[in-house]
Amino acid sequence: MTATAATPTADVVDIPAHRDGNVLRWLAAYTASMTGDSVYYIALSWAAVQSGTPAQAGVVMSVSALPRAVLMLGGGVIADRLGPRRVVIGSDAVRCAAVLAVAALLFLTSPGLWPLALLGLVFGTVDAVFMPAVGALPARVTSRGQLARVQGMRGLGIRFASVVGGPLGGLAVAAGGAKAAFVLAGVLIAISVPLLVAVRTRDLPADDTKAAGTAWHDLRAGLRYIRRHRVLAPLMLAIARGDLGFVGPLNVGLTLLADERGWGASGMGWVLGGFGTGAASLLLAVRGRVPHAGHVMPYACLCGAVAIGALAFVPGVVAAAGVALLIGLLAGLSGALCGALLQTQSDPACLGRVTAVSSLVSLGFAPLSMPLSAVAIGAWGTGPVFVTSAAVCGLGGVVALCAPNLRRAELPA
């Protein structure tokens, strides 16, 4: 990080995050970038379907997953070595340039699937660096006492991006096709760059920022740090089990359940709306902390797991939407607390690598449960699969309850 962008740790004042212009600039940049991501995926899927067969479109949509999973841990090392602000700015600049280049190509000609596949490959590679850096940046822009509130504000930004990005992408496609949607995505991502440039970051203590050796050495040191940490080690296990149990049934499984019950697209939309609540993130953003967070998190996870299992047995779409709302509240609270604890318990100098590990679990391993869930539902039906997934998800809460240091963990006041 440059000297003009950083301020010493001692100069950081515990300003409430929602009143801190520095944090608000970061949040605006993050929200614009995530909204651009939502529009980008709609544009990519539409362009792929228009340029090839459904199978080919599926390949294009999934091509970014492999580099993201393979390179994620290395991306965490890069974020910690170079500084997350610099990495996020560079990543957003590359993403913006790639999206606008494909948009220009689509305006000029009909190139087929190959530029779309290349774009997906570039996005997956850059995401492997971008995601760990995004996770490490909050600790550099605010004080430790505000990290939980910032985590809640980040959750609201993600929710805003998912709610607004979809309709924006659809309108852009309807108005000018995939090329117009790509332009919109590029512009939204571009908005984040000057905002990030204006964000001030603080330096870490000198003994934490010294180069530790090779990148491989840093990676091993980061994994060793997580493994030996009395809170982070069980927290990673809890996150992994929760995501593995949540992702499959509530993505593929819900679609198959709606089809089986005859709810139709509108009924599934109501159920999905229940999941979409951002109440947990709003709670953290407003209050700044939840007392006894290490205790609340596993119980929220366990209750959410029970609700996941019950979803396959509710009789109608209204009841299903109510259960989905309960899942959204409980899983949202559990996930928000996991993120806040991860932020506040980690050494800022290791946050890139810590975030890389948690992102690898959530975005690399957990999606593998989707095809497995589809196959299992085809063989045994929705009920047994939802109950099994609920049991896996509940194991995350059990792991947390069995770890005394995690159970006693608190968010800073």
Protein backbone atom coordinates (compact mmCIF):
# COMPACT_ATOMS: atom_id res chain seq x y z
CA MET A 1 0.00 0.00 0.00
CA THR A 2 1.18 3.48 -0.71
CA ALA A 3 2.01 5.91 2.04
CA THR A 4 -0.68 8.33 0.87
CA ALA A 5 -3.39 5.70 1.18
CA ALA A 6 -2.50 4.38 4.62
CA THR A 7 -2.67 5.77 8.10
CA PRO A 8 -0.96 4.33 11.17
CA THR A 9 -2.90 1.93 13.34
CA ALA A 10 -2.70 4.25 16.30
CA ASP A 11 -4.57 7.00 14.42
CA VAL A 12 -7.70 4.90 13.88
CA VAL A 13 -10.63 6.30 15.85
CA ASP A 14 -13.56 4.06 16.76
CA ILE A 15 -16.08 6.02 14.67
CA PRO A 16 -19.41 4.19 14.24
CA ALA A 17 -19.15 2.49 10.85
CA HIS A 18 -22.45 3.87 9.55
CA ARG A 19 -21.14 7.41 10.15
CA ASP A 20 -17.64 6.82 8.84
CA GLY A 21 -17.20 8.25 5.34
CA ASN A 22 -14.27 5.93 4.74
CA VAL A 23 -16.38 2.84 5.48
CA LEU A 24 -19.29 4.20 3.44
CA ARG A 25 -17.02 4.70 0.41
CA TRP A 26 -15.85 1.11 0.78
CA LEU A 27 -19.44 -0.12 1.11
CA ALA A 28 -20.57 1.84 -1.96
CA ALA A 29 -17.68 0.42 -3.97
CA TYR A 30 -18.39 -3.12 -2.80
CA THR A 31 -22.13 -2.85 -3.51
CA ALA A 32 -21.54 -1.41 -7.00
CA SER A 33 -19.09 -4.20 -7.80
CA MET A 34 -21.43 -6.94 -6.52
CA THR A 35 -24.37 -5.45 -8.45
CA GLY A 36 -22.19 -5.50 -11.55
CA ASP A 37 -21.46 -9.15 -10.84
CA SER A 38 -25.18 -9.96 -10.74
CA VAL A 39 -25.76 -8.20 -14.07
CA TYR A 40 -22.68 -9.92 -15.54
CA TYR A 41 -23.96 -13.42 -14.77
CA ILE A 42 -27.32 -12.67 -16.36
CA ALA A 43 -25.60 -11.27 -19.46
CA LEU A 44 -23.25 -14.25 -19.66
CA SER A 45 -26.02 -16.83 -19.33
CA TRP A 46 -28.19 -15.05 -21.94
CA ALA A 47 -25.32 -14.69 -24.41
CA ALA A 48 -24.29 -18.33 -23.92
CA VAL A 49 -27.83 -19.63 -24.50
CA GLN A 50 -28.15 -17.48 -27.64
CA SER A 51 -24.78 -18.65 -29.02
CA GLY A 52 -24.91 -22.40 -28.37
CA THR A 53 -26.83 -25.38 -27.08
CA PRO A 54 -28.04 -25.60 -23.46
CA ALA A 55 -25.22 -28.04 -22.69
CA GLN A 56 -22.63 -25.67 -24.14
CA ALA A 57 -24.16 -22.78 -22.20
CA GLY A 58 -23.82 -24.83 -19.02
CA VAL A 59 -20.14 -25.38 -19.71
CA VAL A 60 -19.61 -21.64 -20.27
CA MET A 61 -21.39 -20.81 -17.02
CA SER A 62 -19.31 -23.30 -15.02
CA VAL A 63 -15.89 -22.63 -16.57
CA SER A 64 -14.99 -20.03 -13.93
CA ALA A 65 -15.42 -22.50 -11.07
CA LEU A 66 -12.20 -24.46 -11.63
CA PRO A 67 -9.66 -21.59 -11.56
CA ARG A 68 -11.51 -20.00 -8.67
CA ALA A 69 -11.26 -23.20 -6.60
CA VAL A 70 -7.68 -24.07 -7.62
CA LEU A 71 -6.23 -20.59 -7.14
CA MET A 72 -8.22 -19.34 -4.13
CA LEU A 73 -5.61 -20.19 -1.48
CA GLY A 74 -2.90 -18.50 -3.55
CA GLY A 75 -5.17 -15.48 -3.86
CA GLY A 76 -5.25 -15.21 -0.08
CA VAL A 77 -1.45 -15.12 0.02
CA ILE A 78 -1.39 -12.36 -2.62
CA ALA A 79 -3.95 -10.30 -0.68
CA ASP A 80 -1.88 -10.52 2.50
CA ARG A 81 1.45 -9.83 0.80
CA LEU A 82 0.42 -6.93 -1.44
CA GLY A 83 -2.36 -5.45 0.68
CA PRO A 84 -6.08 -6.03 0.09
CA ARG A 85 -6.86 -2.50 -1.13
CA ARG A 86 -4.36 -2.68 -3.96
CA VAL A 87 -5.52 -6.17 -4.94
CA VAL A 88 -9.23 -5.24 -4.94
CA ILE A 89 -8.60 -2.15 -7.08
CA GLY A 90 -6.55 -4.16 -9.58
CA SER A 91 -9.09 -7.00 -9.64
CA ASP A 92 -12.03 -4.69 -10.31
CA ALA A 93 -10.08 -2.91 -13.05
CA VAL A 94 -9.32 -6.22 -14.79
CA ARG A 95 -12.92 -7.43 -14.43
CA CYS A 96 -14.25 -4.17 -15.84
CA ALA A 97 -11.87 -4.25 -18.82
CA ALA A 98 -12.70 -7.89 -19.60
CA VAL A 99 -16.47 -7.33 -19.52
CA LEU A 100 -16.32 -4.20 -21.67
CA ALA A 101 -14.00 -5.93 -24.17
CA VAL A 102 -16.53 -8.73 -24.67
CA ALA A 103 -19.34 -6.15 -24.95
CA ALA A 104 -17.39 -4.36 -27.70
CA LEU A 105 -16.79 -7.66 -29.48
CA LEU A 106 -20.52 -8.45 -29.39
CA PHE A 107 -21.34 -5.02 -30.81
CA LEU A 108 -18.94 -5.59 -33.71
CA THR A 109 -19.55 -9.25 -34.58
CA SER A 110 -21.07 -12.57 -33.49
CA PRO A 111 -17.98 -14.39 -32.22
CA GLY A 112 -19.70 -17.48 -30.78
CA LEU A 113 -18.96 -19.11 -27.45
CA TRP A 114 -15.18 -18.82 -27.25
CA PRO A 115 -14.98 -15.19 -25.94
CA LEU A 116 -17.68 -15.99 -23.39
CA ALA A 117 -15.73 -19.00 -22.15
CA LEU A 118 -12.56 -16.89 -22.03
CA LEU A 119 -14.42 -14.21 -20.07
CA GLY A 120 -15.60 -16.83 -17.58
CA LEU A 121 -12.05 -18.11 -17.23
CA VAL A 122 -10.74 -14.58 -16.59
CA PHE A 123 -13.48 -13.89 -14.05
CA GLY A 124 -12.80 -17.14 -12.19
CA THR A 125 -9.07 -16.43 -12.07
CA VAL A 126 -9.54 -12.85 -10.87
CA ASP A 127 -12.20 -13.91 -8.34
CA ALA A 128 -9.63 -16.21 -6.75
CA VAL A 129 -7.67 -13.09 -5.80
CA PHE A 130 -10.59 -10.66 -5.41
CA MET A 131 -12.58 -12.62 -2.83
CA PRO A 132 -9.83 -13.06 -0.22
CA ALA A 133 -8.86 -9.40 -0.63
CA VAL A 134 -12.47 -8.28 -0.15
CA GLY A 135 -12.60 -10.28 3.07
CA ALA A 136 -9.34 -8.80 4.34
CA LEU A 137 -10.12 -5.16 3.52
CA PRO A 138 -12.61 -4.26 6.32
CA ALA A 139 -9.94 -4.74 9.00
CA ARG A 140 -7.84 -2.08 7.22
CA VAL A 141 -10.61 0.55 6.89
CA THR A 142 -12.15 0.52 10.39
CA SER A 143 -11.35 -0.35 13.98
CA ARG A 144 -11.78 -3.82 15.45
CA GLY A 145 -14.79 -2.67 17.48
CA GLN A 146 -16.68 -1.82 14.27
CA LEU A 147 -15.90 -4.99 12.31
CA ALA A 148 -19.13 -6.77 13.27
CA ARG A 149 -21.20 -3.75 12.20
CA VAL A 150 -19.25 -3.58 8.93
CA GLN A 151 -19.99 -7.28 8.39
CA GLY A 152 -23.69 -6.54 8.75
CA MET A 153 -23.41 -3.60 6.32
CA ARG A 154 -21.59 -5.85 3.87
CA GLY A 155 -24.42 -8.39 4.14
CA LEU A 156 -26.94 -5.68 3.32
CA GLY A 157 -24.81 -4.70 0.32
CA ILE A 158 -24.85 -8.29 -0.92
CA ARG A 159 -28.62 -8.47 -0.45
CA PHE A 160 -29.12 -5.17 -2.31
CA ALA A 161 -26.92 -6.39 -5.17
CA SER A 162 -28.83 -9.66 -5.53
CA VAL A 163 -32.26 -7.97 -5.36
CA VAL A 164 -31.43 -5.06 -7.69
CA GLY A 165 -28.86 -6.70 -10.00
CA GLY A 166 -31.23 -9.33 -11.38
CA PRO A 167 -33.96 -6.93 -12.55
CA LEU A 168 -31.33 -4.50 -13.90
CA GLY A 169 -29.70 -7.27 -15.91
CA GLY A 170 -33.06 -8.43 -17.23
CA LEU A 171 -34.02 -4.90 -18.29
CA ALA A 172 -30.67 -4.41 -20.03
CA VAL A 173 -31.05 -7.70 -21.92
CA ALA A 174 -34.61 -6.78 -22.92
CA ALA A 175 -33.52 -3.33 -24.09
CA GLY A 176 -30.32 -4.14 -25.98
CA GLY A 177 -29.47 -7.81 -25.66
CA ALA A 178 -26.48 -9.36 -23.91
CA LYS A 179 -24.09 -6.68 -25.18
CA ALA A 180 -26.06 -3.94 -23.43
CA ALA A 181 -26.11 -5.98 -20.21
CA PHE A 182 -22.33 -6.48 -20.43
CA VAL A 183 -21.88 -2.71 -20.82
CA LEU A 184 -24.05 -2.08 -17.76
CA ALA A 185 -22.08 -4.68 -15.76
CA GLY A 186 -18.79 -3.07 -16.79
CA VAL A 187 -20.00 0.41 -15.83
CA LEU A 188 -21.18 -0.76 -12.41
CA ILE A 189 -17.85 -2.47 -11.71
CA ALA A 190 -16.01 0.63 -12.99
CA ILE A 191 -17.85 2.81 -10.45
CA SER A 192 -16.16 0.88 -7.66
CA VAL A 193 -12.61 1.71 -8.78
CA PRO A 194 -12.48 5.48 -8.00
CA LEU A 195 -14.38 4.87 -4.77
CA LEU A 196 -11.78 2.29 -3.71
CA VAL A 197 -8.97 4.65 -4.67
CA ALA A 198 -10.49 7.20 -2.27
CA VAL A 199 -10.65 4.69 0.61
CA ARG A 200 -7.97 5.22 3.24
CA THR A 201 -6.41 2.13 4.80
CA ARG A 202 -4.27 1.69 7.86
CA ASP A 203 -0.91 -0.02 8.12
CA LEU A 204 -0.49 -3.12 10.23
CA PRO A 205 2.16 -3.25 12.96
CA ALA A 206 5.61 -3.62 11.41
CA ASP A 207 6.26 -7.07 12.84
CA ASP A 208 3.04 -8.38 11.22
CA THR A 209 3.77 -7.05 7.74
CA LYS A 210 7.31 -8.34 7.29
CA ALA A 211 7.78 -10.66 4.34
CA ALA A 212 7.82 -14.18 5.72
CA GLY A 213 9.59 -15.78 2.77
CA THR A 214 8.19 -17.44 -0.32
CA ALA A 215 4.50 -17.49 -1.22
CA TRP A 216 4.45 -21.22 -0.44
CA HIS A 217 5.88 -20.50 3.00
CA ASP A 218 3.20 -17.85 3.59
CA LEU A 219 0.45 -20.24 2.51
CA ARG A 220 1.66 -22.96 4.87
CA ALA A 221 2.00 -20.41 7.66
CA GLY A 222 -1.59 -19.25 7.09
CA LEU A 223 -2.99 -22.78 7.14
CA ARG A 224 -0.96 -23.54 10.27
CA TYR A 225 -2.30 -20.37 11.88
CA ILE A 226 -5.89 -21.46 11.24
CA ARG A 227 -5.29 -25.04 12.37
CA ARG A 228 -3.77 -23.95 15.69
CA HIS A 229 -6.25 -21.15 16.42
CA ARG A 230 -8.65 -22.19 19.16
CA VAL A 231 -11.59 -20.27 17.66
CA LEU A 232 -10.91 -20.21 13.91
CA ALA A 233 -10.23 -23.95 13.57
CA PRO A 234 -13.65 -25.09 14.85
CA LEU A 235 -15.31 -22.09 13.19
CA MET A 236 -14.02 -23.23 9.77
CA LEU A 237 -15.39 -26.73 10.42
CA ALA A 238 -18.75 -25.27 11.43
CA ILE A 239 -18.87 -23.09 8.29
CA ALA A 240 -17.98 -26.05 6.07
CA ARG A 241 -20.68 -28.31 7.48
CA GLY A 242 -23.29 -25.57 7.45
CA ASP A 243 -22.61 -24.68 3.80
CA LEU A 244 -22.52 -28.31 2.66
CA GLY A 245 -25.92 -28.90 4.23
CA PHE A 246 -27.46 -25.63 3.06
CA VAL A 247 -26.36 -25.15 -0.56
CA GLY A 248 -27.64 -28.36 -2.19
CA PRO A 249 -31.25 -28.58 -0.95
CA LEU A 250 -31.88 -24.86 -1.10
CA ASN A 251 -30.69 -24.49 -4.69
CA VAL A 252 -31.35 -27.63 -6.74
CA GLY A 253 -33.54 -29.25 -4.09
CA LEU A 254 -36.00 -26.39 -3.86
CA THR A 255 -36.61 -26.40 -7.61
CA LEU A 256 -37.31 -30.13 -7.56
CA LEU A 257 -39.52 -29.79 -4.48
CA ALA A 258 -41.60 -27.04 -6.15
CA ASP A 259 -42.01 -29.21 -9.24
CA GLU A 260 -42.98 -32.24 -7.16
CA ARG A 261 -45.61 -30.30 -5.20
CA GLY A 262 -46.95 -28.41 -8.22
CA TRP A 263 -46.23 -24.97 -6.76
CA GLY A 264 -45.16 -23.57 -10.11
CA ALA A 265 -42.73 -20.73 -10.74
CA SER A 266 -44.77 -18.19 -8.75
CA GLY A 267 -44.93 -20.48 -5.73
CA MET A 268 -41.21 -21.10 -5.85
CA GLY A 269 -40.73 -17.33 -6.07
CA TRP A 270 -42.62 -16.87 -2.80
CA VAL A 271 -40.49 -19.51 -1.11
CA LEU A 272 -37.30 -17.94 -2.44
CA GLY A 273 -38.52 -14.58 -1.17
CA GLY A 274 -38.57 -16.06 2.33
CA PHE A 275 -34.91 -16.99 2.07
CA GLY A 276 -34.08 -13.50 0.88
CA THR A 277 -34.55 -11.75 4.21
CA GLY A 278 -31.66 -9.54 5.27
CA ALA A 279 -32.82 -9.17 8.87
CA ALA A 280 -29.69 -10.74 10.37
CA SER A 281 -27.38 -8.41 8.49
CA LEU A 282 -29.58 -5.44 9.43
CA LEU A 283 -29.40 -6.50 13.09
CA LEU A 284 -25.59 -6.49 13.03
CA ALA A 285 -25.44 -3.24 11.06
CA VAL A 286 -27.69 -1.42 13.55
CA ARG A 287 -26.56 -2.95 16.86
CA GLY A 288 -22.91 -3.51 15.97
CA ARG A 289 -22.77 -6.75 17.96
CA VAL A 290 -24.84 -9.62 19.31
CA PRO A 291 -24.10 -10.58 22.94
CA HIS A 292 -22.78 -14.12 23.46
CA ALA A 293 -22.21 -14.49 19.72
CA GLY A 294 -20.32 -17.77 20.11
CA HIS A 295 -23.32 -19.25 21.91
CA VAL A 296 -26.04 -17.75 19.71
CA MET A 297 -24.44 -18.87 16.44
CA PRO A 298 -24.60 -22.68 16.96
CA TYR A 299 -28.16 -22.60 18.32
CA ALA A 300 -29.27 -20.54 15.33
CA CYS A 301 -27.54 -23.10 13.10
CA LEU A 302 -29.25 -26.04 14.83
CA CYS A 303 -32.71 -24.44 14.69
CA GLY A 304 -32.16 -23.50 11.04
CA ALA A 305 -31.20 -27.13 10.31
CA VAL A 306 -34.49 -28.34 11.82
CA ALA A 307 -36.37 -25.88 9.61
CA ILE A 308 -34.50 -27.13 6.51
CA GLY A 309 -35.60 -30.69 7.25
CA ALA A 310 -39.18 -29.57 7.84
CA LEU A 311 -39.38 -27.74 4.51
CA ALA A 312 -39.79 -30.99 2.58
CA PHE A 313 -42.90 -31.95 4.60
CA VAL A 314 -44.97 -28.76 4.74
CA PRO A 315 -48.31 -29.17 2.93
CA GLY A 316 -48.69 -25.97 0.89
CA VAL A 317 -46.84 -23.04 -0.61
CA VAL A 318 -47.92 -20.57 2.12
CA ALA A 319 -46.54 -22.82 4.86
CA ALA A 320 -43.39 -23.43 2.80
CA ALA A 321 -42.85 -19.68 2.42
CA GLY A 322 -43.21 -19.29 6.20
CA VAL A 323 -40.67 -22.05 6.86
CA ALA A 324 -38.34 -20.50 4.27
CA LEU A 325 -38.62 -17.17 6.08
CA LEU A 326 -37.63 -18.92 9.30
CA ILE A 327 -34.67 -20.56 7.54
CA GLY A 328 -33.61 -17.21 6.12
CA LEU A 329 -33.70 -15.62 9.58
CA LEU A 330 -31.87 -18.41 11.38
CA ALA A 331 -29.33 -19.31 8.69
CA GLY A 332 -28.81 -15.61 8.00
CA LEU A 333 -28.10 -14.94 11.68
CA SER A 334 -25.77 -17.93 11.92
CA GLY A 335 -23.92 -16.95 8.75
CA ALA A 336 -23.62 -13.29 9.76
CA LEU A 337 -22.21 -14.24 13.16
CA CYS A 338 -19.76 -16.69 11.58
CA GLY A 339 -18.52 -13.91 9.30
CA ALA A 340 -18.28 -11.42 12.15
CA LEU A 341 -16.39 -13.85 14.38
CA LEU A 342 -14.03 -14.72 11.54
CA GLN A 343 -13.28 -11.01 11.02
CA THR A 344 -12.78 -10.15 14.69
CA GLN A 345 -10.87 -13.27 15.76
CA SER A 346 -8.34 -13.23 12.90
CA ASP A 347 -5.03 -11.41 12.87
CA PRO A 348 -5.50 -8.73 10.16
CA ALA A 349 -2.17 -9.75 8.63
CA CYS A 350 -3.64 -13.23 7.95
CA LEU A 351 -7.18 -12.24 6.97
CA GLY A 352 -6.60 -12.75 3.25
CA ARG A 353 -5.57 -16.36 3.82
CA VAL A 354 -8.32 -16.92 6.39
CA THR A 355 -10.94 -15.56 3.99
CA ALA A 356 -9.48 -17.69 1.18
CA VAL A 357 -10.02 -20.86 3.20
CA SER A 358 -13.60 -19.97 4.14
CA SER A 359 -14.36 -18.89 0.54
CA LEU A 360 -12.89 -22.11 -0.80
CA VAL A 361 -15.23 -24.07 1.43
CA SER A 362 -18.29 -22.01 0.48
CA LEU A 363 -17.60 -21.52 -3.24
CA GLY A 364 -15.37 -24.49 -4.05
CA PHE A 365 -16.62 -27.47 -2.07
CA ALA A 366 -20.22 -26.63 -1.10
CA PRO A 367 -21.49 -26.33 -4.73
CA LEU A 368 -20.45 -29.97 -5.24
CA SER A 369 -23.48 -30.88 -3.13
CA MET A 370 -25.86 -29.56 -5.82
CA PRO A 371 -25.45 -32.37 -8.38
CA LEU A 372 -25.28 -34.90 -5.54
CA SER A 373 -28.56 -33.55 -4.15
CA ALA A 374 -30.22 -33.79 -7.57
CA VAL A 375 -29.13 -37.41 -8.01
CA ALA A 376 -30.16 -38.33 -4.48
CA ILE A 377 -33.60 -36.73 -4.84
CA GLY A 378 -34.11 -38.66 -8.07
CA ALA A 379 -33.31 -41.88 -6.25
CA TRP A 380 -34.96 -41.38 -2.84
CA GLY A 381 -37.19 -38.29 -3.09
CA THR A 382 -37.07 -34.89 -1.45
CA GLY A 383 -37.87 -35.89 2.13
CA PRO A 384 -34.85 -38.10 2.91
CA VAL A 385 -32.46 -35.76 1.12
CA PHE A 386 -33.67 -32.65 2.95
CA VAL A 387 -33.45 -34.47 6.28
CA THR A 388 -29.91 -35.65 5.50
CA SER A 389 -28.89 -32.17 4.45
CA ALA A 390 -30.41 -30.78 7.64
CA ALA A 391 -28.36 -33.27 9.66
CA VAL A 392 -25.16 -32.19 7.86
CA CYS A 393 -26.00 -28.53 8.45
CA GLY A 394 -26.80 -29.23 12.09
CA LEU A 395 -23.36 -30.78 12.54
CA GLY A 396 -21.96 -27.27 12.13
CA GLY A 397 -23.85 -26.21 15.24
CA VAL A 398 -22.73 -29.34 17.10
CA VAL A 399 -19.08 -28.64 16.24
CA ALA A 400 -19.42 -25.09 17.55
CA LEU A 401 -21.09 -26.23 20.79
CA CYS A 402 -18.34 -28.80 21.36
CA ALA A 403 -15.58 -26.16 21.02
CA PRO A 404 -15.39 -24.26 24.35
CA ASN A 405 -13.29 -21.38 23.02
CA LEU A 406 -15.66 -20.79 20.08
CA ARG A 407 -18.67 -21.14 22.33
CA ARG A 408 -17.30 -18.44 24.64
CA ALA A 409 -16.24 -16.12 21.80
CA GLU A 410 -17.63 -12.59 21.91
CA LEU A 411 -17.81 -9.79 19.38
CA PRO A 412 -15.95 -6.66 20.52
CA ALA A 413 -18.04 -4.06 22.26
